[in-house]
Each structure stands twice: as structure tokens, then as C-alpha cells.
Amino acid sequence: MHPKDITFSVNDYDSDGDLTDEGIFLHFGKTRVHAAESTEDFRTIVQHMEAMVREIEENYPHAG
């Protein structure tokens, strides 16, 4: 999967259009993940992922 194929959605609604679950969801193909409750939480996740990249680069230089 190409990184630009990852998409997002905000909130989840039933077939009647009623809100069923609040939050930010990430879509990886057919897999959907409830990633965060708010944009503030989502920013924290992005920062954490950037830290993970640094750790991978430092400890597994051949991974990239």
C-alpha cells in the first residue's frame, strides 16, 4: 500500500445518518482504525509516530 492511499474520516454514522461514534478514523485499504478522539489527540499520535521513525532509523538503519 502506498502511504498516500491511507485516508481518514471523521465520526461514524449509521444508515439513518445518526452519529454512532465520534473520532478520527484512519483507513488502510479495507481496514479502518479508530485512531483518536480529537484533532489534539491525533496530533499526539503523529508526534509519536515521528518518534517511532527516529527510533527505527537509529536502531535499524537497514530497515529504510
PDB file of N, CA and C in Angstrom:
ATOM      1  N   MET A   1       0.852  -1.172   0.000  1.00  0.00           N
ATOM      2  CA  MET A   1       0.000   0.000   0.000  1.00  0.00           C
ATOM      3  C   MET A   1       0.897   1.234   0.000  1.00  0.00           C
ATOM      4  N   HIS A   2       0.586   2.148  -0.846  1.00  0.00           N
ATOM      5  CA  HIS A   2       1.306   3.420  -0.900  1.00  0.00           C
ATOM      6  C   HIS A   2       0.827   4.306   0.249  1.00  0.00           C
ATOM      7  N   PRO A   3       1.733   5.031   0.913  1.00  0.00           N
ATOM      8  CA  PRO A   3       1.327   5.878   2.044  1.00  0.00           C
ATOM      9  C   PRO A   3       0.220   6.873   1.694  1.00  0.00           C
ATOM     10  N   LYS A   4       0.184   7.330   0.459  1.00  0.00           N
ATOM     11  CA  LYS A   4      -0.869   8.284   0.084  1.00  0.00           C
ATOM     12  C   LYS A   4      -2.224   7.619  -0.104  1.00  0.00           C
ATOM     13  N   ASP A   5      -2.247   6.282  -0.061  1.00  0.00           N
ATOM     14  CA  ASP A   5      -3.520   5.562  -0.134  1.00  0.00           C
ATOM     15  C   ASP A   5      -4.213   5.500   1.224  1.00  0.00           C
ATOM     16  N   ILE A   6      -3.517   5.877   2.284  1.00  0.00           N
ATOM     17  CA  ILE A   6      -4.130   5.929   3.614  1.00  0.00           C
ATOM     18  C   ILE A   6      -5.048   7.147   3.651  1.00  0.00           C
ATOM     19  N   THR A   7      -6.288   6.936   4.007  1.00  0.00           N
ATOM     20  CA  THR A   7      -7.268   8.025   4.065  1.00  0.00           C
ATOM     21  C   THR A   7      -7.813   8.159   5.485  1.00  0.00           C
ATOM     22  N   PHE A   8      -8.683   9.129   5.681  1.00  0.00           N
ATOM     23  CA  PHE A   8      -9.275   9.332   7.003  1.00  0.00           C
ATOM     24  C   PHE A   8     -10.751   9.672   6.872  1.00  0.00           C
ATOM     25  N   SER A   9     -11.436   9.533   7.978  1.00  0.00           N
ATOM     26  CA  SER A   9     -12.810  10.011   8.088  1.00  0.00           C
ATOM     27  C   SER A   9     -12.991  10.541   9.500  1.00  0.00           C
ATOM     28  N   VAL A  10     -14.008  11.365   9.656  1.00  0.00           N
ATOM     29  CA  VAL A  10     -14.302  11.952  10.963  1.00  0.00           C
ATOM     30  C   VAL A  10     -15.703  11.508  11.361  1.00  0.00           C
ATOM     31  N   ASN A  11     -15.775  10.879  12.516  1.00  0.00           N
ATOM     32  CA  ASN A  11     -17.026  10.372  13.090  1.00  0.00           C
ATOM     33  C   ASN A  11     -17.569   9.209  12.271  1.00  0.00           C
ATOM     34  N   ASP A  12     -18.469   8.479  12.872  1.00  0.00           N
ATOM     35  CA  ASP A  12     -19.109   7.334  12.235  1.00  0.00           C
ATOM     36  C   ASP A  12     -20.613   7.510  12.382  1.00  0.00           C
ATOM     37  N   TYR A  13     -21.323   7.185  11.330  1.00  0.00           N
ATOM     38  CA  TYR A  13     -22.769   7.378  11.300  1.00  0.00           C
ATOM     39  C   TYR A  13     -23.449   6.092  10.861  1.00  0.00           C
ATOM     40  N   ASP A  14     -24.663   5.870  11.352  1.00  0.00           N
ATOM     41  CA  ASP A  14     -25.417   4.705  10.909  1.00  0.00           C
ATOM     42  C   ASP A  14     -26.124   5.018   9.593  1.00  0.00           C
ATOM     43  N   SER A  15     -26.883   4.070   9.101  1.00  0.00           N
ATOM     44  CA  SER A  15     -27.536   4.227   7.795  1.00  0.00           C
ATOM     45  C   SER A  15     -28.588   5.339   7.788  1.00  0.00           C
ATOM     46  N   ASP A  16     -29.042   5.771   8.968  1.00  0.00           N
ATOM     47  CA  ASP A  16     -30.003   6.873   9.055  1.00  0.00           C
ATOM     48  C   ASP A  16     -29.308   8.231   9.172  1.00  0.00           C
ATOM     49  N   GLY A  17     -27.995   8.212   9.231  1.00  0.00           N
ATOM     50  CA  GLY A  17     -27.242   9.456   9.369  1.00  0.00           C
ATOM     51  C   GLY A  17     -27.049   9.903  10.803  1.00  0.00           C
ATOM     52  N   ASP A  18     -27.392   9.037  11.745  1.00  0.00           N
ATOM     53  CA  ASP A  18     -27.210   9.369  13.157  1.00  0.00           C
ATOM     54  C   ASP A  18     -25.782   9.047  13.594  1.00  0.00           C
ATOM     55  N   LEU A  19     -25.192   9.932  14.365  1.00  0.00           N
ATOM     56  CA  LEU A  19     -23.840   9.760  14.875  1.00  0.00           C
ATOM     57  C   LEU A  19     -23.784   8.543  15.795  1.00  0.00           C
ATOM     58  N   THR A  20     -22.850   7.635  15.515  1.00  0.00           N
ATOM     59  CA  THR A  20     -22.709   6.440  16.348  1.00  0.00           C
ATOM     60  C   THR A  20     -21.383   6.404  17.096  1.00  0.00           C
ATOM     61  N   ASP A  21     -20.354   7.057  16.552  1.00  0.00           N
ATOM     62  CA  ASP A  21     -19.039   7.024  17.196  1.00  0.00           C
ATOM     63  C   ASP A  21     -18.262   8.266  16.775  1.00  0.00           C
ATOM     64  N   GLU A  22     -17.806   9.040  17.750  1.00  0.00           N
ATOM     65  CA  GLU A  22     -17.037  10.246  17.454  1.00  0.00           C
ATOM     66  C   GLU A  22     -15.559   9.928  17.387  1.00  0.00           C
ATOM     67  N   GLY A  23     -14.856  10.646  16.540  1.00  0.00           N
ATOM     68  CA  GLY A  23     -13.421  10.493  16.486  1.00  0.00           C
ATOM     69  C   GLY A  23     -12.868  10.582  15.083  1.00  0.00           C
ATOM     70  N   ILE A  24     -11.569  10.347  14.996  1.00  0.00           N
ATOM     71  CA  ILE A  24     -10.867  10.353  13.720  1.00  0.00           C
ATOM     72  C   ILE A  24     -10.476   8.917  13.412  1.00  0.00           C
ATOM     73  N   PHE A  25     -10.820   8.478  12.222  1.00  0.00           N
ATOM     74  CA  PHE A  25     -10.563   7.116  11.782  1.00  0.00           C
ATOM     75  C   PHE A  25      -9.568   7.141  10.637  1.00  0.00           C
ATOM     76  N   LEU A  26      -8.630   6.205  10.643  1.00  0.00           N
ATOM     77  CA  LEU A  26      -7.702   6.030   9.537  1.00  0.00           C
ATOM     78  C   LEU A  26      -8.116   4.784   8.766  1.00  0.00           C
ATOM     79  N   HIS A  27      -8.032   4.877   7.444  1.00  0.00           N
ATOM     80  CA  HIS A  27      -8.416   3.766   6.564  1.00  0.00           C
ATOM     81  C   HIS A  27      -7.181   3.278   5.815  1.00  0.00           C
ATOM     82  N   PHE A  28      -6.863   2.003   6.010  1.00  0.00           N
ATOM     83  CA  PHE A  28      -5.757   1.339   5.331  1.00  0.00           C
ATOM     84  C   PHE A  28      -6.391   0.278   4.433  1.00  0.00           C
ATOM     85  N   GLY A  29      -6.745   0.664   3.244  1.00  0.00           N
ATOM     86  CA  GLY A  29      -7.481  -0.271   2.388  1.00  0.00           C
ATOM     87  C   GLY A  29      -8.830  -0.570   3.020  1.00  0.00           C
ATOM     88  N   LYS A  30      -9.105  -1.850   3.251  1.00  0.00           N
ATOM     89  CA  LYS A  30     -10.382  -2.252   3.851  1.00  0.00           C
ATOM     90  C   LYS A  30     -10.363  -2.210   5.374  1.00  0.00           C
ATOM     91  N   THR A  31      -9.216  -1.885   5.952  1.00  0.00           N
ATOM     92  CA  THR A  31      -9.086  -1.849   7.409  1.00  0.00           C
ATOM     93  C   THR A  31      -9.267  -0.421   7.911  1.00  0.00           C
ATOM     94  N   ARG A  32     -10.135  -0.260   8.884  1.00  0.00           N
ATOM     95  CA  ARG A  32     -10.394   1.050   9.475  1.00  0.00           C
ATOM     96  C   ARG A  32     -10.016   1.010  10.942  1.00  0.00           C
ATOM     97  N   VAL A  33      -9.280   2.040  11.384  1.00  0.00           N
ATOM     98  CA  VAL A  33      -8.807   2.101  12.767  1.00  0.00           C
ATOM     99  C   VAL A  33      -9.296   3.395  13.404  1.00  0.00           C
ATOM    100  N   HIS A  34      -9.908   3.277  14.579  1.00  0.00           N
ATOM    101  CA  HIS A  34     -10.303   4.462  15.334  1.00  0.00           C
ATOM    102  C   HIS A  34      -9.028   4.991  15.980  1.00  0.00           C
ATOM    103  N   ALA A  35      -8.457   6.032  15.389  1.00  0.00           N
ATOM    104  CA  ALA A  35      -7.121   6.488  15.775  1.00  0.00           C
ATOM    105  C   ALA A  35      -7.125   7.476  16.930  1.00  0.00           C
ATOM    106  N   ALA A  36      -8.130   8.339  16.997  1.00  0.00           N
ATOM    107  CA  ALA A  36      -8.105   9.391  18.017  1.00  0.00           C
ATOM    108  C   ALA A  36      -9.504   9.908  18.288  1.00  0.00           C
ATOM    109  N   GLU A  37      -9.650  10.488  19.472  1.00  0.00           N
ATOM    110  CA  GLU A  37     -10.934  11.090  19.854  1.00  0.00           C
ATOM    111  C   GLU A  37     -11.074  12.530  19.340  1.00  0.00           C
ATOM    112  N   SER A  38      -9.929  13.193  19.118  1.00  0.00           N
ATOM    113  CA  SER A  38      -9.959  14.607  18.728  1.00  0.00           C
ATOM    114  C   SER A  38      -8.741  14.929  17.872  1.00  0.00           C
ATOM    115  N   THR A  39      -8.741  16.110  17.273  1.00  0.00           N
ATOM    116  CA  THR A  39      -7.569  16.514  16.493  1.00  0.00           C
ATOM    117  C   THR A  39      -6.359  16.682  17.401  1.00  0.00           C
ATOM    118  N   GLU A  40      -6.574  17.117  18.625  1.00  0.00           N
ATOM    119  CA  GLU A  40      -5.463  17.238  19.580  1.00  0.00           C
ATOM    120  C   GLU A  40      -4.831  15.869  19.838  1.00  0.00           C
ATOM    121  N   ASP A  41      -5.660  14.861  20.061  1.00  0.00           N
ATOM    122  CA  ASP A  41      -5.157  13.502  20.250  1.00  0.00           C
ATOM    123  C   ASP A  41      -4.461  12.998  18.986  1.00  0.00           C
ATOM    124  N   PHE A  42      -5.008  13.339  17.832  1.00  0.00           N
ATOM    125  CA  PHE A  42      -4.420  12.907  16.571  1.00  0.00           C
ATOM    126  C   PHE A  42      -3.034  13.511  16.390  1.00  0.00           C
ATOM    127  N   ARG A  43      -2.863  14.786  16.752  1.00  0.00           N
ATOM    128  CA  ARG A  43      -1.532  15.416  16.686  1.00  0.00           C
ATOM    129  C   ARG A  43      -0.539  14.665  17.572  1.00  0.00           C
ATOM    130  N   THR A  44      -0.988  14.218  18.726  1.00  0.00           N
ATOM    131  CA  THR A  44      -0.124  13.448  19.625  1.00  0.00           C
ATOM    132  C   THR A  44       0.293  12.143  18.968  1.00  0.00           C
ATOM    133  N   ILE A  45      -0.624  11.501  18.272  1.00  0.00           N
ATOM    134  CA  ILE A  45      -0.311  10.257  17.574  1.00  0.00           C
ATOM    135  C   ILE A  45       0.721  10.504  16.482  1.00  0.00           C
ATOM    136  N   VAL A  46       0.557  11.587  15.728  1.00  0.00           N
ATOM    137  CA  VAL A  46       1.510  11.925  14.667  1.00  0.00           C
ATOM    138  C   VAL A  46       2.896  12.143  15.269  1.00  0.00           C
ATOM    139  N   GLN A  47       2.977  12.867  16.362  1.00  0.00           N
ATOM    140  CA  GLN A  47       4.262  13.094  17.023  1.00  0.00           C
ATOM    141  C   GLN A  47       4.870  11.773  17.495  1.00  0.00           C
ATOM    142  N   HIS A  48       4.045  10.905  18.021  1.00  0.00           N
ATOM    143  CA  HIS A  48       4.527   9.603  18.485  1.00  0.00           C
ATOM    144  C   HIS A  48       5.058   8.783  17.310  1.00  0.00           C
ATOM    145  N   MET A  49       4.378   8.813  16.189  1.00  0.00           N
ATOM    146  CA  MET A  49       4.831   8.074  15.003  1.00  0.00           C
ATOM    147  C   MET A  49       6.152   8.641  14.483  1.00  0.00           C
ATOM    148  N   GLU A  50       6.311   9.964  14.533  1.00  0.00           N
ATOM    149  CA  GLU A  50       7.579  10.563  14.127  1.00  0.00           C
ATOM    150  C   GLU A  50       8.704  10.094  15.041  1.00  0.00           C
ATOM    151  N   ALA A  51       8.435   9.971  16.330  1.00  0.00           N
ATOM    152  CA  ALA A  51       9.428   9.455  17.267  1.00  0.00           C
ATOM    153  C   ALA A  51       9.750   7.997  16.957  1.00  0.00           C
ATOM    154  N   MET A  52       8.749   7.233  16.547  1.00  0.00           N
ATOM    155  CA  MET A  52       8.979   5.844  16.174  1.00  0.00           C
ATOM    156  C   MET A  52       9.890   5.756  14.949  1.00  0.00           C
ATOM    157  N   VAL A  53       9.684   6.646  13.988  1.00  0.00           N
ATOM    158  CA  VAL A  53      10.543   6.673  12.799  1.00  0.00           C
ATOM    159  C   VAL A  53      11.984   6.935  13.207  1.00  0.00           C
ATOM    160  N   ARG A  54      12.195   7.903  14.080  1.00  0.00           N
ATOM    161  CA  ARG A  54      13.548   8.200  14.549  1.00  0.00           C
ATOM    162  C   ARG A  54      14.170   6.975  15.218  1.00  0.00           C
ATOM    163  N   GLU A  55      13.391   6.297  16.050  1.00  0.00           N
ATOM    164  CA  GLU A  55      13.900   5.112  16.735  1.00  0.00           C
ATOM    165  C   GLU A  55      14.263   4.018  15.740  1.00  0.00           C
ATOM    166  N   ILE A  56      13.425   3.810  14.745  1.00  0.00           N
ATOM    167  CA  ILE A  56      13.707   2.804  13.719  1.00  0.00           C
ATOM    168  C   ILE A  56      14.981   3.173  12.960  1.00  0.00           C
ATOM    169  N   GLU A  57      15.104   4.432  12.576  1.00  0.00           N
ATOM    170  CA  GLU A  57      16.292   4.871  11.837  1.00  0.00           C
ATOM    171  C   GLU A  57      17.564   4.692  12.663  1.00  0.00           C
ATOM    172  N   GLU A  58      17.465   4.952  13.955  1.00  0.00           N
ATOM    173  CA  GLU A  58      18.640   4.844  14.826  1.00  0.00           C
ATOM    174  C   GLU A  58      19.021   3.391  15.117  1.00  0.00           C
ATOM    175  N   ASN A  59      18.031   2.544  15.311  1.00  0.00           N
ATOM    176  CA  ASN A  59      18.296   1.174  15.748  1.00  0.00           C
ATOM    177  C   ASN A  59      18.258   0.130  14.632  1.00  0.00           C
ATOM    178  N   TYR A  60      17.626   0.471  13.532  1.00  0.00           N
ATOM    179  CA  TYR A  60      17.510  -0.463  12.413  1.00  0.00           C
ATOM    180  C   TYR A  60      17.823   0.268  11.113  1.00  0.00           C
ATOM    181  N   PRO A  61      19.059   0.705  10.920  1.00  0.00           N
ATOM    182  CA  PRO A  61      19.392   1.545   9.762  1.00  0.00           C
ATOM    183  C   PRO A  61      19.141   0.875   8.420  1.00  0.00           C
ATOM    184  N   HIS A  62      19.065  -0.440   8.385  1.00  0.00           N
ATOM    185  CA  HIS A  62      18.833  -1.136   7.116  1.00  0.00           C
ATOM    186  C   HIS A  62      17.344  -1.335   6.831  1.00  0.00           C
ATOM    187  N   ALA A  63      16.488  -0.873   7.728  1.00  0.00           N
ATOM    188  CA  ALA A  63      15.050  -1.039   7.540  1.00  0.00           C
ATOM    189  C   ALA A  63      14.490  -0.088   6.485  1.00  0.00           C
ATOM    190  N   GLY A  64      15.169   0.993   6.250  1.00  0.00           N
ATOM    191  CA  GLY A  64      14.660   2.008   5.342  1.00  0.00           C
ATOM    192  C   GLY A  64      15.265   1.913   4.003  1.00  0.00           C
TER     193      GLY A  64
END
